[in-house]
């Protein structure tokens, strides 16, 4: 399949036209409208500084069904001790900055460019992008951010400055999403770290069917607050 060059029109080719590695299209912009359309179609941006915007829809897709979360005994003990305090949407800008500083893929430097930071910060202000933070003695030591549409959460990146900090944040996120009846967490690309939580690879048609159903739910916009 050819890689599609996007025009100024807010449109994407069907995800099944993606290359074998998941690359679907190049170009376009990171406007709110285009990003929301992309995620609703199972497409996400991922590119390096100095590169044009690249849009991906990998097959298979790594996902976590919230009900299938696995938490190790040791992590449960860490959570129970309560040494790490978890919050939501209290430090989005710092979380995405930390992810940009720490996160690396294929040793190619950060993929969270300044352009990406501005775009997702705007989505946060618009109530679509969210962060989960882990704190130790008042210091931010771990966290993650992503995007929510309907009953789907699209994880983007996480960081940790203290052992298990991002794991505690992720476990709390999944528990919250369960309470809110979310149907799927899109982990995008396969990592052993996420598979240890119960994430699994599924074929694109199955992913798209789950996503289509999840998008029937009303999007939980605005600042997220933990519920009991």
N, C-alpha and C. Protein backbone atom coordinates (compact mmCIF):
# COMPACT_ATOMS: atom_id res chain seq x y z
N UNK A 1 0.84 -1.20 0.00
CA UNK A 1 0.00 0.00 0.00
C UNK A 1 0.87 1.26 0.00
N UNK A 2 0.45 2.30 -0.69
CA UNK A 2 1.21 3.55 -0.67
C UNK A 2 0.97 4.28 0.66
N UNK A 3 1.94 5.13 1.04
CA UNK A 3 1.75 6.00 2.19
C UNK A 3 1.05 7.25 1.68
N UNK A 4 -0.04 7.65 2.29
CA UNK A 4 -0.85 8.74 1.79
C UNK A 4 -0.32 10.09 2.25
N UNK A 5 -0.35 11.06 1.39
CA UNK A 5 0.01 12.43 1.72
C UNK A 5 -1.27 13.19 2.03
N UNK A 6 -1.37 13.69 3.24
CA UNK A 6 -2.59 14.37 3.66
C UNK A 6 -2.67 15.78 3.07
N UNK A 7 -3.87 16.19 2.78
CA UNK A 7 -4.12 17.55 2.30
C UNK A 7 -4.58 18.41 3.47
N UNK A 8 -4.99 19.63 3.17
CA UNK A 8 -5.51 20.51 4.22
C UNK A 8 -6.89 20.07 4.71
N UNK A 9 -7.54 19.22 3.94
CA UNK A 9 -8.84 18.71 4.37
C UNK A 9 -8.69 17.81 5.59
N UNK A 10 -9.63 17.88 6.48
CA UNK A 10 -9.57 17.08 7.69
C UNK A 10 -10.10 15.68 7.39
N UNK A 11 -9.23 14.84 6.83
CA UNK A 11 -9.65 13.50 6.43
C UNK A 11 -8.44 12.58 6.44
N UNK A 12 -8.73 11.28 6.64
CA UNK A 12 -7.69 10.24 6.61
C UNK A 12 -8.15 9.10 5.72
N UNK A 13 -7.21 8.39 5.12
CA UNK A 13 -7.58 7.16 4.41
C UNK A 13 -7.99 6.09 5.43
N UNK A 14 -8.68 5.06 5.00
CA UNK A 14 -9.07 3.98 5.92
C UNK A 14 -7.83 3.35 6.58
N UNK A 15 -7.89 3.02 7.86
CA UNK A 15 -6.73 2.46 8.57
C UNK A 15 -6.19 1.18 7.94
N UNK A 16 -7.08 0.39 7.31
CA UNK A 16 -6.62 -0.88 6.73
C UNK A 16 -5.69 -0.67 5.54
N UNK A 17 -5.55 0.56 5.09
CA UNK A 17 -4.61 0.85 4.01
C UNK A 17 -3.18 1.06 4.51
N UNK A 18 -2.95 0.93 5.81
CA UNK A 18 -1.63 1.18 6.37
C UNK A 18 -0.61 0.16 5.87
N UNK A 19 0.64 0.59 5.86
CA UNK A 19 1.74 -0.30 5.53
C UNK A 19 1.85 -1.42 6.57
N UNK A 20 2.68 -2.40 6.27
CA UNK A 20 2.86 -3.51 7.20
C UNK A 20 3.34 -3.09 8.57
N UNK A 21 4.14 -2.00 8.63
CA UNK A 21 4.63 -1.52 9.92
C UNK A 21 3.63 -0.58 10.60
N UNK A 22 2.50 -0.32 9.95
CA UNK A 22 1.47 0.52 10.54
C UNK A 22 1.43 1.94 10.01
N UNK A 23 2.44 2.35 9.23
CA UNK A 23 2.45 3.71 8.70
C UNK A 23 1.34 3.89 7.67
N UNK A 24 0.53 4.91 7.88
CA UNK A 24 -0.62 5.14 7.02
C UNK A 24 -0.50 6.39 6.16
N UNK A 25 -0.07 7.50 6.80
CA UNK A 25 -0.09 8.78 6.09
C UNK A 25 0.98 9.71 6.63
N UNK A 26 1.24 10.76 5.87
CA UNK A 26 2.23 11.76 6.26
C UNK A 26 1.66 13.14 5.99
N UNK A 27 2.02 14.09 6.85
CA UNK A 27 1.59 15.47 6.63
C UNK A 27 0.43 15.88 7.52
N UNK A 28 -0.28 16.88 7.09
CA UNK A 28 -1.39 17.39 7.88
C UNK A 28 -0.91 18.26 9.04
N UNK A 29 -1.68 18.30 10.09
CA UNK A 29 -1.35 19.13 11.25
C UNK A 29 -1.81 18.43 12.51
N UNK A 30 -1.58 19.07 13.65
CA UNK A 30 -1.99 18.52 14.94
C UNK A 30 -3.11 19.36 15.55
N UNK A 31 -4.00 19.82 14.72
CA UNK A 31 -5.15 20.58 15.21
C UNK A 31 -6.05 19.68 16.04
N UNK A 32 -6.83 20.29 16.90
CA UNK A 32 -7.76 19.52 17.73
C UNK A 32 -8.69 18.67 16.87
N UNK A 33 -9.24 19.28 15.84
CA UNK A 33 -10.19 18.58 14.98
C UNK A 33 -9.56 17.36 14.32
N UNK A 34 -8.33 17.52 13.80
CA UNK A 34 -7.68 16.40 13.10
C UNK A 34 -7.29 15.30 14.09
N UNK A 35 -6.78 15.67 15.26
CA UNK A 35 -6.38 14.67 16.24
C UNK A 35 -7.57 13.86 16.73
N UNK A 36 -8.68 14.52 16.99
CA UNK A 36 -9.86 13.80 17.47
C UNK A 36 -10.38 12.85 16.39
N UNK A 37 -10.35 13.29 15.14
CA UNK A 37 -10.76 12.40 14.05
C UNK A 37 -9.82 11.20 13.97
N UNK A 38 -8.51 11.47 14.06
CA UNK A 38 -7.53 10.39 13.95
C UNK A 38 -7.78 9.32 15.01
N UNK A 39 -7.87 9.73 16.25
CA UNK A 39 -8.05 8.74 17.32
C UNK A 39 -9.37 8.00 17.17
N UNK A 40 -10.41 8.67 16.73
CA UNK A 40 -11.70 8.00 16.55
C UNK A 40 -11.63 6.95 15.45
N UNK A 41 -10.63 7.05 14.57
CA UNK A 41 -10.44 6.08 13.50
C UNK A 41 -9.34 5.07 13.81
N UNK A 42 -8.79 5.14 15.02
CA UNK A 42 -7.72 4.21 15.39
C UNK A 42 -6.38 4.59 14.82
N UNK A 43 -6.16 5.88 14.63
CA UNK A 43 -4.93 6.41 14.04
C UNK A 43 -4.28 7.36 15.05
N UNK A 44 -2.95 7.36 15.13
CA UNK A 44 -2.27 8.28 16.04
C UNK A 44 -0.98 8.79 15.40
N UNK A 45 -0.51 9.98 15.82
CA UNK A 45 0.73 10.52 15.29
C UNK A 45 1.94 10.04 16.10
N UNK A 46 3.04 9.85 15.40
CA UNK A 46 4.28 9.43 16.06
C UNK A 46 5.42 9.76 15.10
N UNK A 47 6.24 10.70 15.46
CA UNK A 47 7.33 11.13 14.58
C UNK A 47 8.40 11.82 15.41
N UNK A 48 9.56 12.03 14.81
CA UNK A 48 10.69 12.63 15.51
C UNK A 48 10.82 14.11 15.16
N UNK A 49 11.54 14.83 15.98
CA UNK A 49 11.82 16.25 15.71
C UNK A 49 12.48 16.38 14.35
N UNK A 50 12.00 17.32 13.54
CA UNK A 50 12.57 17.55 12.21
C UNK A 50 11.95 16.70 11.13
N UNK A 51 11.08 15.77 11.51
CA UNK A 51 10.40 14.91 10.55
C UNK A 51 9.01 15.47 10.27
N UNK A 52 8.45 15.19 9.10
CA UNK A 52 7.03 15.52 8.89
C UNK A 52 6.18 14.68 9.83
N UNK A 53 4.93 15.09 10.05
CA UNK A 53 4.03 14.34 10.91
C UNK A 53 3.70 13.00 10.25
N UNK A 54 3.90 11.92 10.99
CA UNK A 54 3.60 10.58 10.50
C UNK A 54 2.41 10.03 11.28
N UNK A 55 1.50 9.38 10.58
CA UNK A 55 0.28 8.85 11.18
C UNK A 55 0.26 7.34 11.06
N UNK A 56 -0.08 6.65 12.16
CA UNK A 56 0.07 5.20 12.24
C UNK A 56 -1.22 4.51 12.66
N UNK A 57 -1.37 3.28 12.18
CA UNK A 57 -2.44 2.39 12.62
C UNK A 57 -1.90 0.96 12.55
N UNK A 58 -1.17 0.56 13.58
CA UNK A 58 -0.51 -0.76 13.54
C UNK A 58 -1.49 -1.93 13.64
N UNK A 59 -1.08 -3.04 13.08
CA UNK A 59 -1.85 -4.27 13.12
C UNK A 59 -0.85 -5.42 13.28
N UNK A 60 -0.85 -6.13 14.41
CA UNK A 60 -1.82 -6.08 15.50
C UNK A 60 -1.66 -4.83 16.36
N UNK A 61 -2.63 -4.65 17.27
CA UNK A 61 -2.67 -3.49 18.15
C UNK A 61 -2.61 -3.97 19.60
N UNK A 62 -1.79 -3.31 20.41
CA UNK A 62 -1.71 -3.68 21.82
C UNK A 62 -2.79 -2.93 22.59
N UNK A 63 -3.64 -3.66 23.29
CA UNK A 63 -4.73 -3.06 24.05
C UNK A 63 -4.80 -3.72 25.43
N UNK A 64 -5.41 -3.01 26.36
CA UNK A 64 -5.73 -3.58 27.65
C UNK A 64 -7.23 -3.41 27.89
N UNK A 65 -7.91 -4.50 28.10
CA UNK A 65 -9.31 -4.46 28.50
C UNK A 65 -9.29 -4.23 30.02
N UNK A 66 -9.89 -3.15 30.52
CA UNK A 66 -9.74 -2.82 31.94
C UNK A 66 -10.03 -3.98 32.89
N UNK A 67 -11.03 -4.81 32.58
CA UNK A 67 -11.37 -5.94 33.45
C UNK A 67 -10.26 -6.99 33.50
N UNK A 68 -9.32 -6.94 32.55
CA UNK A 68 -8.26 -7.94 32.47
C UNK A 68 -6.95 -7.45 33.08
N UNK A 69 -7.00 -6.34 33.81
CA UNK A 69 -5.80 -5.80 34.46
C UNK A 69 -5.17 -6.84 35.40
N UNK A 70 -3.86 -6.97 35.30
CA UNK A 70 -3.10 -7.84 36.21
C UNK A 70 -2.18 -6.97 37.06
N UNK A 71 -2.27 -7.11 38.36
CA UNK A 71 -1.40 -6.37 39.28
C UNK A 71 -0.65 -7.39 40.11
N UNK A 72 0.66 -7.34 40.08
CA UNK A 72 1.45 -8.31 40.82
C UNK A 72 1.27 -8.13 42.32
N UNK A 73 1.58 -9.17 43.06
CA UNK A 73 1.46 -9.13 44.52
C UNK A 73 2.33 -8.03 45.09
N UNK A 74 3.55 -7.88 44.54
CA UNK A 74 4.46 -6.87 45.06
C UNK A 74 3.93 -5.46 44.80
N UNK A 75 3.33 -5.25 43.62
CA UNK A 75 2.78 -3.93 43.33
C UNK A 75 1.56 -3.65 44.20
N UNK A 76 0.73 -4.65 44.45
CA UNK A 76 -0.41 -4.47 45.35
C UNK A 76 0.05 -4.05 46.74
N UNK A 77 1.14 -4.62 47.18
CA UNK A 77 1.67 -4.28 48.49
C UNK A 77 2.18 -2.84 48.52
N UNK A 78 2.81 -2.42 47.44
CA UNK A 78 3.30 -1.04 47.35
C UNK A 78 2.12 -0.07 47.38
N UNK A 79 1.07 -0.38 46.63
CA UNK A 79 -0.12 0.48 46.61
C UNK A 79 -0.76 0.53 47.99
N UNK A 80 -0.83 -0.62 48.66
CA UNK A 80 -1.47 -0.70 49.97
C UNK A 80 -0.71 0.12 51.01
N UNK A 81 0.61 0.17 50.88
CA UNK A 81 1.41 0.93 51.85
C UNK A 81 1.13 2.43 51.76
N UNK A 82 0.67 2.90 50.61
CA UNK A 82 0.26 4.28 50.46
C UNK A 82 1.38 5.30 50.48
N UNK A 83 2.59 4.88 50.14
CA UNK A 83 3.71 5.82 50.13
C UNK A 83 3.66 6.75 48.93
N UNK A 84 2.93 6.34 47.89
CA UNK A 84 2.78 7.16 46.69
C UNK A 84 1.34 7.65 46.61
N UNK A 85 1.16 8.94 46.50
CA UNK A 85 -0.16 9.53 46.34
C UNK A 85 -0.44 9.72 44.85
N UNK A 86 -1.60 9.30 44.41
CA UNK A 86 -1.96 9.40 43.00
C UNK A 86 -3.05 10.44 42.82
N UNK A 87 -2.86 11.31 41.84
CA UNK A 87 -3.85 12.33 41.49
C UNK A 87 -4.11 12.28 40.00
N UNK A 88 -5.14 12.99 39.58
CA UNK A 88 -5.47 13.05 38.15
C UNK A 88 -5.65 14.51 37.74
N UNK A 89 -5.06 14.85 36.61
CA UNK A 89 -5.23 16.17 36.00
C UNK A 89 -4.82 17.32 36.92
N UNK A 90 -3.78 17.12 37.71
CA UNK A 90 -3.30 18.20 38.55
C UNK A 90 -1.97 18.78 38.06
N UNK A 91 -1.29 18.06 37.15
CA UNK A 91 0.03 18.54 36.70
C UNK A 91 0.28 18.06 35.27
N UNK A 92 -0.68 18.29 34.37
CA UNK A 92 -0.56 17.78 33.00
C UNK A 92 0.70 18.31 32.32
N UNK A 93 0.94 19.61 32.40
CA UNK A 93 2.08 20.19 31.69
C UNK A 93 3.40 19.59 32.17
N UNK A 94 3.52 19.37 33.46
CA UNK A 94 4.75 18.80 33.99
C UNK A 94 4.89 17.33 33.59
N UNK A 95 3.79 16.61 33.57
CA UNK A 95 3.85 15.21 33.18
C UNK A 95 4.30 15.06 31.73
N UNK A 96 3.70 15.81 30.82
CA UNK A 96 4.08 15.66 29.41
C UNK A 96 5.52 16.13 29.19
N UNK A 97 5.95 17.15 29.94
CA UNK A 97 7.34 17.60 29.83
C UNK A 97 8.28 16.50 30.31
N UNK A 98 7.96 15.87 31.43
CA UNK A 98 8.80 14.79 31.95
C UNK A 98 8.86 13.62 30.97
N UNK A 99 7.70 13.30 30.37
CA UNK A 99 7.68 12.23 29.38
C UNK A 99 8.56 12.57 28.18
N UNK A 100 8.53 13.81 27.76
CA UNK A 100 9.35 14.24 26.62
C UNK A 100 10.83 14.15 26.94
N UNK A 101 11.19 14.40 28.18
CA UNK A 101 12.61 14.36 28.59
C UNK A 101 13.13 12.95 28.73
N UNK A 102 12.24 12.03 29.14
CA UNK A 102 12.69 10.69 29.49
C UNK A 102 12.38 9.66 28.44
N UNK A 103 11.23 9.76 27.82
CA UNK A 103 10.76 8.72 26.92
C UNK A 103 11.62 8.63 25.67
N UNK A 104 12.03 7.41 25.31
CA UNK A 104 12.79 7.18 24.09
C UNK A 104 12.22 5.97 23.38
N UNK A 105 12.20 6.00 22.08
CA UNK A 105 11.82 4.83 21.29
C UNK A 105 12.91 4.58 20.27
N UNK A 106 13.38 3.34 20.23
CA UNK A 106 14.40 2.93 19.26
C UNK A 106 15.66 3.80 19.37
N UNK A 107 15.92 4.33 20.57
CA UNK A 107 17.11 5.15 20.81
C UNK A 107 17.20 6.33 19.85
N UNK A 108 16.05 6.79 19.38
CA UNK A 108 16.05 7.87 18.40
C UNK A 108 15.75 9.23 18.98
N UNK A 109 15.90 9.38 20.30
CA UNK A 109 15.58 10.65 20.91
C UNK A 109 14.09 10.75 21.19
N UNK A 110 13.70 11.86 21.74
CA UNK A 110 12.29 11.99 22.11
C UNK A 110 11.40 12.09 20.88
N UNK A 111 10.23 11.48 20.96
CA UNK A 111 9.23 11.61 19.90
C UNK A 111 8.17 12.63 20.30
N UNK A 112 8.24 13.11 21.54
CA UNK A 112 7.28 14.12 22.00
C UNK A 112 7.89 15.49 21.72
N UNK A 113 7.65 15.97 20.53
CA UNK A 113 8.24 17.23 20.08
C UNK A 113 7.53 18.42 20.73
N UNK A 114 8.10 19.59 20.56
CA UNK A 114 7.45 20.80 21.08
C UNK A 114 6.07 20.97 20.46
N UNK A 115 5.95 20.62 19.19
CA UNK A 115 4.67 20.70 18.50
C UNK A 115 3.65 19.75 19.14
N UNK A 116 4.11 18.55 19.50
CA UNK A 116 3.23 17.59 20.16
C UNK A 116 2.81 18.09 21.53
N UNK A 117 3.75 18.66 22.27
CA UNK A 117 3.44 19.17 23.60
C UNK A 117 2.37 20.25 23.52
N UNK A 118 2.51 21.16 22.58
CA UNK A 118 1.50 22.22 22.43
C UNK A 118 0.14 21.63 22.06
N UNK A 119 0.13 20.65 21.15
CA UNK A 119 -1.12 20.08 20.68
C UNK A 119 -1.86 19.35 21.81
N UNK A 120 -1.14 18.55 22.58
CA UNK A 120 -1.80 17.78 23.63
C UNK A 120 -2.13 18.65 24.85
N UNK A 121 -1.37 19.68 25.06
CA UNK A 121 -1.73 20.64 26.11
C UNK A 121 -3.03 21.34 25.75
N UNK A 122 -3.19 21.63 24.47
CA UNK A 122 -4.45 22.23 24.00
C UNK A 122 -5.60 21.25 24.20
N UNK A 123 -5.37 19.96 23.90
CA UNK A 123 -6.40 18.96 24.10
C UNK A 123 -6.74 18.81 25.58
N UNK A 124 -5.75 19.00 26.42
CA UNK A 124 -6.01 18.96 27.87
C UNK A 124 -6.91 20.13 28.27
N UNK A 125 -6.58 21.30 27.76
CA UNK A 125 -7.41 22.48 28.06
C UNK A 125 -8.83 22.29 27.54
N UNK A 126 -8.97 21.55 26.44
CA UNK A 126 -10.29 21.31 25.85
C UNK A 126 -11.03 20.17 26.54
N UNK A 127 -10.36 19.50 27.49
CA UNK A 127 -11.01 18.46 28.26
C UNK A 127 -10.90 17.05 27.72
N UNK A 128 -10.03 16.83 26.70
CA UNK A 128 -9.88 15.51 26.11
C UNK A 128 -8.63 14.76 26.59
N UNK A 129 -7.55 15.46 26.82
CA UNK A 129 -6.31 14.82 27.26
C UNK A 129 -6.20 14.91 28.77
N UNK A 130 -5.65 13.85 29.36
CA UNK A 130 -5.63 13.75 30.82
C UNK A 130 -4.28 13.20 31.31
N UNK A 131 -3.97 13.53 32.53
CA UNK A 131 -2.74 13.04 33.15
C UNK A 131 -3.07 12.35 34.46
N UNK A 132 -2.22 11.40 34.84
CA UNK A 132 -2.28 10.75 36.14
C UNK A 132 -0.90 10.91 36.76
N UNK A 133 -0.86 11.36 38.00
CA UNK A 133 0.42 11.71 38.64
C UNK A 133 0.66 10.87 39.89
N UNK A 134 1.91 10.48 40.10
CA UNK A 134 2.34 9.84 41.34
C UNK A 134 3.24 10.80 42.10
N UNK A 135 2.95 10.99 43.38
CA UNK A 135 3.69 11.92 44.22
C UNK A 135 4.31 11.20 45.41
N UNK A 136 5.51 11.62 45.78
CA UNK A 136 6.16 11.11 46.98
C UNK A 136 6.69 12.29 47.78
N UNK A 137 6.13 12.46 48.96
CA UNK A 137 6.51 13.57 49.84
C UNK A 137 6.42 14.91 49.11
N UNK A 138 5.33 15.06 48.34
CA UNK A 138 5.06 16.32 47.65
C UNK A 138 5.81 16.52 46.35
N UNK A 139 6.58 15.54 45.92
CA UNK A 139 7.36 15.64 44.68
C UNK A 139 6.78 14.72 43.62
N UNK A 140 6.64 15.23 42.39
CA UNK A 140 6.15 14.43 41.28
C UNK A 140 7.22 13.43 40.87
N UNK A 141 6.93 12.15 41.00
CA UNK A 141 7.95 11.12 40.75
C UNK A 141 7.55 10.16 39.64
N UNK A 142 6.37 10.31 39.09
CA UNK A 142 5.95 9.43 38.01
C UNK A 142 4.58 9.84 37.48
N UNK A 143 4.24 9.33 36.32
CA UNK A 143 2.93 9.66 35.78
C UNK A 143 2.78 9.24 34.33
N UNK A 144 1.64 9.56 33.79
CA UNK A 144 1.34 9.22 32.40
C UNK A 144 0.29 10.20 31.88
N UNK A 145 0.14 10.22 30.56
CA UNK A 145 -0.92 11.04 29.96
C UNK A 145 -1.48 10.32 28.74
N UNK A 146 -2.67 10.73 28.36
CA UNK A 146 -3.31 10.15 27.19
C UNK A 146 -4.57 10.91 26.85
N UNK A 147 -5.34 10.35 25.97
CA UNK A 147 -6.53 11.00 25.42
C UNK A 147 -7.73 10.09 25.64
N UNK A 148 -8.87 10.69 25.95
CA UNK A 148 -10.08 9.90 26.15
C UNK A 148 -11.18 10.34 25.20
N UNK A 149 -11.79 9.36 24.53
CA UNK A 149 -12.96 9.58 23.69
C UNK A 149 -13.96 8.48 24.00
N UNK A 150 -15.19 8.86 24.33
CA UNK A 150 -16.17 7.85 24.67
C UNK A 150 -15.67 6.96 25.78
N UNK A 151 -15.77 5.65 25.58
CA UNK A 151 -15.28 4.69 26.57
C UNK A 151 -13.92 4.13 26.21
N UNK A 152 -13.11 4.90 25.49
CA UNK A 152 -11.76 4.48 25.10
C UNK A 152 -10.73 5.47 25.63
N UNK A 153 -9.65 4.94 26.19
CA UNK A 153 -8.52 5.77 26.62
C UNK A 153 -7.33 5.39 25.76
N UNK A 154 -6.69 6.39 25.18
CA UNK A 154 -5.54 6.18 24.30
C UNK A 154 -4.28 6.62 25.05
N UNK A 155 -3.53 5.66 25.54
CA UNK A 155 -2.32 5.99 26.30
C UNK A 155 -1.23 6.50 25.39
N UNK A 156 -0.56 7.56 25.82
CA UNK A 156 0.49 8.15 25.00
C UNK A 156 1.90 7.89 25.56
N UNK A 157 2.12 8.21 26.80
CA UNK A 157 3.47 8.04 27.34
C UNK A 157 3.42 8.05 28.86
N UNK A 158 4.48 7.51 29.48
CA UNK A 158 4.60 7.56 30.93
C UNK A 158 6.06 7.77 31.31
N UNK A 159 6.28 8.18 32.54
CA UNK A 159 7.65 8.37 33.02
C UNK A 159 7.70 7.97 34.48
N UNK A 160 8.89 7.69 34.97
CA UNK A 160 9.07 7.40 36.38
C UNK A 160 10.43 7.89 36.85
N UNK A 161 10.44 8.53 37.98
CA UNK A 161 11.68 8.98 38.62
C UNK A 161 11.95 8.20 39.90
N UNK A 162 10.98 7.40 40.30
CA UNK A 162 11.09 6.57 41.50
C UNK A 162 10.52 5.20 41.19
N UNK A 163 11.16 4.17 41.66
CA UNK A 163 10.75 2.80 41.36
C UNK A 163 9.25 2.60 41.57
N UNK A 164 8.60 2.06 40.56
CA UNK A 164 7.18 1.70 40.59
C UNK A 164 6.21 2.88 40.53
N UNK A 165 6.70 4.12 40.43
CA UNK A 165 5.80 5.28 40.46
C UNK A 165 4.83 5.29 39.28
N UNK A 166 5.33 5.00 38.09
CA UNK A 166 4.42 5.01 36.93
C UNK A 166 3.50 3.79 36.97
N UNK A 167 3.96 2.67 37.53
CA UNK A 167 3.12 1.48 37.63
C UNK A 167 1.93 1.74 38.55
N UNK A 168 2.18 2.41 39.67
CA UNK A 168 1.10 2.74 40.60
C UNK A 168 0.10 3.68 39.92
N UNK A 169 0.61 4.67 39.18
CA UNK A 169 -0.27 5.60 38.47
C UNK A 169 -1.12 4.86 37.44
N UNK A 170 -0.50 3.93 36.71
CA UNK A 170 -1.23 3.20 35.67
C UNK A 170 -2.30 2.30 36.29
N UNK A 171 -1.97 1.61 37.37
CA UNK A 171 -2.94 0.75 38.03
C UNK A 171 -4.13 1.56 38.52
N UNK A 172 -3.86 2.74 39.10
CA UNK A 172 -4.95 3.59 39.58
C UNK A 172 -5.80 4.08 38.41
N UNK A 173 -5.16 4.43 37.30
CA UNK A 173 -5.91 4.86 36.11
C UNK A 173 -6.88 3.77 35.68
N UNK A 174 -6.39 2.53 35.58
CA UNK A 174 -7.25 1.44 35.10
C UNK A 174 -8.41 1.22 36.06
N UNK A 175 -8.15 1.29 37.36
CA UNK A 175 -9.23 1.13 38.33
C UNK A 175 -10.28 2.23 38.16
N UNK A 176 -9.83 3.45 37.90
CA UNK A 176 -10.77 4.53 37.67
C UNK A 176 -11.58 4.31 36.39
N UNK A 177 -10.93 3.88 35.35
CA UNK A 177 -11.62 3.65 34.08
C UNK A 177 -12.65 2.53 34.21
N UNK A 178 -12.35 1.55 35.05
CA UNK A 178 -13.33 0.50 35.32
C UNK A 178 -14.58 1.08 35.97
N UNK A 179 -14.38 1.97 36.94
CA UNK A 179 -15.51 2.60 37.62
C UNK A 179 -16.36 3.41 36.65
N UNK A 180 -15.72 3.95 35.63
CA UNK A 180 -16.43 4.78 34.66
C UNK A 180 -16.89 3.99 33.44
N UNK A 181 -16.75 2.66 33.50
CA UNK A 181 -17.23 1.76 32.44
C UNK A 181 -16.50 1.91 31.11
N UNK A 182 -15.23 2.32 31.15
CA UNK A 182 -14.44 2.35 29.92
C UNK A 182 -14.26 0.93 29.41
N UNK A 183 -14.22 0.78 28.10
CA UNK A 183 -14.17 -0.54 27.49
C UNK A 183 -12.78 -0.96 27.02
N UNK A 184 -11.91 0.02 26.76
CA UNK A 184 -10.62 -0.34 26.18
C UNK A 184 -9.58 0.74 26.48
N UNK A 185 -8.35 0.29 26.68
CA UNK A 185 -7.20 1.18 26.76
C UNK A 185 -6.29 0.84 25.59
N UNK A 186 -6.10 1.78 24.71
CA UNK A 186 -5.23 1.58 23.54
C UNK A 186 -3.79 1.84 23.97
N UNK A 187 -2.98 0.77 23.95
CA UNK A 187 -1.57 0.89 24.32
C UNK A 187 -0.68 1.12 23.10
N UNK A 188 -1.28 1.08 21.91
CA UNK A 188 -0.63 1.40 20.64
C UNK A 188 0.38 0.36 20.20
N UNK A 189 1.58 0.37 20.78
CA UNK A 189 2.63 -0.55 20.33
C UNK A 189 3.03 -1.47 21.47
N UNK A 190 3.49 -2.64 21.12
CA UNK A 190 3.73 -3.69 22.10
C UNK A 190 4.99 -3.45 22.93
N UNK A 191 4.83 -3.54 24.25
CA UNK A 191 5.97 -3.52 25.18
C UNK A 191 5.74 -4.60 26.23
N UNK A 192 6.82 -5.19 26.72
CA UNK A 192 6.70 -6.20 27.77
C UNK A 192 6.13 -5.58 29.04
N UNK A 193 6.48 -4.31 29.28
CA UNK A 193 6.00 -3.62 30.48
C UNK A 193 4.47 -3.61 30.53
N UNK A 194 3.83 -3.23 29.43
CA UNK A 194 2.37 -3.17 29.40
C UNK A 194 1.75 -4.56 29.34
N UNK A 195 2.42 -5.50 28.70
CA UNK A 195 1.89 -6.86 28.66
C UNK A 195 1.88 -7.48 30.05
N UNK A 196 2.80 -7.05 30.91
CA UNK A 196 2.82 -7.57 32.28
C UNK A 196 1.58 -7.14 33.05
N UNK A 197 0.91 -6.09 32.60
CA UNK A 197 -0.34 -5.64 33.22
C UNK A 197 -1.57 -6.34 32.62
N UNK A 198 -1.35 -7.19 31.64
CA UNK A 198 -2.46 -7.89 31.00
C UNK A 198 -2.81 -7.40 29.62
N UNK A 199 -2.05 -6.45 29.11
CA UNK A 199 -2.29 -5.98 27.74
C UNK A 199 -2.01 -7.11 26.75
N UNK A 200 -2.72 -7.10 25.63
CA UNK A 200 -2.57 -8.16 24.65
C UNK A 200 -2.69 -7.58 23.24
N UNK A 201 -2.13 -8.29 22.29
CA UNK A 201 -2.24 -7.88 20.90
C UNK A 201 -3.52 -8.44 20.30
N UNK A 202 -4.23 -7.58 19.57
CA UNK A 202 -5.41 -8.03 18.84
C UNK A 202 -5.33 -7.52 17.41
N UNK A 203 -6.02 -8.19 16.51
CA UNK A 203 -6.02 -7.78 15.11
C UNK A 203 -6.81 -6.49 14.92
N UNK A 204 -6.46 -5.74 13.89
CA UNK A 204 -7.11 -4.45 13.65
C UNK A 204 -8.63 -4.55 13.58
N UNK A 205 -9.21 -5.52 12.86
CA UNK A 205 -10.68 -5.57 12.81
C UNK A 205 -11.31 -5.69 14.20
N UNK A 206 -10.71 -6.49 15.08
CA UNK A 206 -11.25 -6.61 16.44
C UNK A 206 -11.09 -5.30 17.19
N UNK A 207 -9.93 -4.68 17.04
CA UNK A 207 -9.70 -3.39 17.71
C UNK A 207 -10.71 -2.36 17.24
N UNK A 208 -10.93 -2.28 15.94
CA UNK A 208 -11.85 -1.28 15.40
C UNK A 208 -13.29 -1.56 15.86
N UNK A 209 -13.67 -2.82 16.00
CA UNK A 209 -15.02 -3.14 16.47
C UNK A 209 -15.21 -2.70 17.92
N UNK A 210 -14.20 -2.96 18.76
CA UNK A 210 -14.29 -2.54 20.16
C UNK A 210 -14.31 -1.02 20.25
N UNK A 211 -13.45 -0.38 19.45
CA UNK A 211 -13.38 1.08 19.47
C UNK A 211 -14.71 1.68 19.03
N UNK A 212 -15.30 1.15 17.97
CA UNK A 212 -16.57 1.67 17.48
C UNK A 212 -17.64 1.61 18.56
N UNK A 213 -17.67 0.52 19.30
CA UNK A 213 -18.66 0.38 20.37
C UNK A 213 -18.35 1.32 21.52
N UNK A 214 -17.06 1.47 21.85
CA UNK A 214 -16.66 2.35 22.96
C UNK A 214 -17.01 3.80 22.66
N UNK A 215 -16.93 4.19 21.40
CA UNK A 215 -17.20 5.58 21.04
C UNK A 215 -18.69 5.94 21.11
N UNK A 216 -19.53 4.95 21.34
CA UNK A 216 -20.95 5.23 21.52
C UNK A 216 -21.22 5.89 22.88
N UNK A 217 -20.29 5.72 23.82
CA UNK A 217 -20.43 6.33 25.13
C UNK A 217 -20.14 7.83 25.04
N UNK A 218 -20.70 8.57 25.95
CA UNK A 218 -20.42 10.01 26.02
C UNK A 218 -19.01 10.24 26.53
N UNK A 219 -18.28 11.14 25.90
CA UNK A 219 -16.91 11.44 26.33
C UNK A 219 -16.91 12.16 27.67
N UNK A 220 -16.08 11.67 28.57
CA UNK A 220 -15.97 12.26 29.91
C UNK A 220 -14.97 13.41 29.83
N UNK A 221 -15.45 14.57 29.42
CA UNK A 221 -14.59 15.73 29.21
C UNK A 221 -14.40 16.52 30.50
N UNK A 222 -13.38 17.39 30.46
CA UNK A 222 -13.11 18.23 31.61
C UNK A 222 -12.10 17.60 32.53
N UNK A 223 -11.85 18.25 33.64
CA UNK A 223 -10.87 17.78 34.60
C UNK A 223 -11.36 16.51 35.29
N UNK A 224 -10.53 15.48 35.26
CA UNK A 224 -10.90 14.23 35.91
C UNK A 224 -10.61 14.28 37.40
N UNK A 225 -11.55 13.76 38.18
CA UNK A 225 -11.40 13.67 39.63
C UNK A 225 -11.64 12.22 40.02
N UNK A 226 -10.77 11.68 40.85
CA UNK A 226 -10.91 10.29 41.25
C UNK A 226 -12.20 10.06 42.00
N UNK A 227 -12.78 8.90 41.75
CA UNK A 227 -14.00 8.53 42.47
C UNK A 227 -13.72 7.30 43.32
N UNK A 228 -14.47 7.15 44.37
CA UNK A 228 -14.26 6.01 45.28
C UNK A 228 -14.92 4.76 44.72
